[in-house]
């Protein structure tokens, strides 16, 4: 009787060992066998917070899992269940299940190279990042004015505008909107040195005023920003309105790109055609060229023919903007609207002529 029990026990143990060995061999073969030899690329998006079962279901729907049971077993054996990282991943069908899991564990998700042009506005940046599905646009614009978030980033202003440094970045879709914004602001503090801040203080600017002026310079000029800076520094010194059309329309909701005469006359803290000095904050996110131009105007005073020329050129540009605004206002087919347009154009010419006379008087 005892011998028979021992035999049964030996058989059971042998059976278990056989099953374990057999299963191990099966799992080893599965883990190291590619799905097929076609090398077909597959792009997978693992949302943040996805459970292990959700990840498995996503992979299964894309045809990357032959056996759920064996895949589950392999994940458990690798202790990977709680360590799979969210993100966007490139797989191909020649990969083995083991290499796929390793990739998920290492977080080797797809990177996006993003170029943010100099002097882009906060909304332009948000639109660009949103189009690449890197941020939540609504959350981005909300965080842009969140006081606690701004304080955490050492921004002493009402908005993040001006501090999202334009540069080339590498982002991942697994990053949060908050993380991406923080990276861009950190880049600003890396590029704007204590020496630059100290020099801006020599002009009587705090950091926000310095960035505000740089943003206006950036929006008003694609070429010689240092000459434009010279003009604006002079106007600030003489308490003359800056007359920046880019600033005048900055806070308009749903602005379509057409500057109207009414835009230049409306009451707004950003309308530098009617206010004196700087607007309350930046109108864009200046790059290094604009920031340096704000610190190094061509000269501190308008005294030479060349410097007068730069002022006259800006006045001519502003007259052209004013003309465009007049011609863009309303229906120009009626006699009354034509009369109003002509009066508007005449007003532009008179303002420009008066300013030209003042420039010619400068010594």
Foldseek 3Di string as FASTA:
>chain_A
DVVVVVVVVVVVVVVVVVVVVVVVVVLVCQQAAFQDDPFAKDKFFFAPPDALVRVLVRCVVVVRDPDPVSLVVLCVVVVNRPQFAGFIAIDTRRHGSNVVSVCRNVVVHDKDKDFFDFLAWQLRVLVRCVVVLQADSVVSQVLQQDPVLCVVLVHPARGCFQQQAGGIDIGTSNDYSSRNSSVRNVVSDVLCDPVLQVLVVVLVDHPFLLSQQLSLLVVLDPPPSLLLLLLQLACLVVQHQSLRQLQLCLPPPPDPPQAALVSQVDDDLSNSNPHTDTRRGHSHHHYPVSSVSNSRHVDNDQDDPVSLVSNLVSLVVSLVSQLRNLVPPDDCPDPVSVVSSVVSNVVSVVVSVVVNVVSVPHD
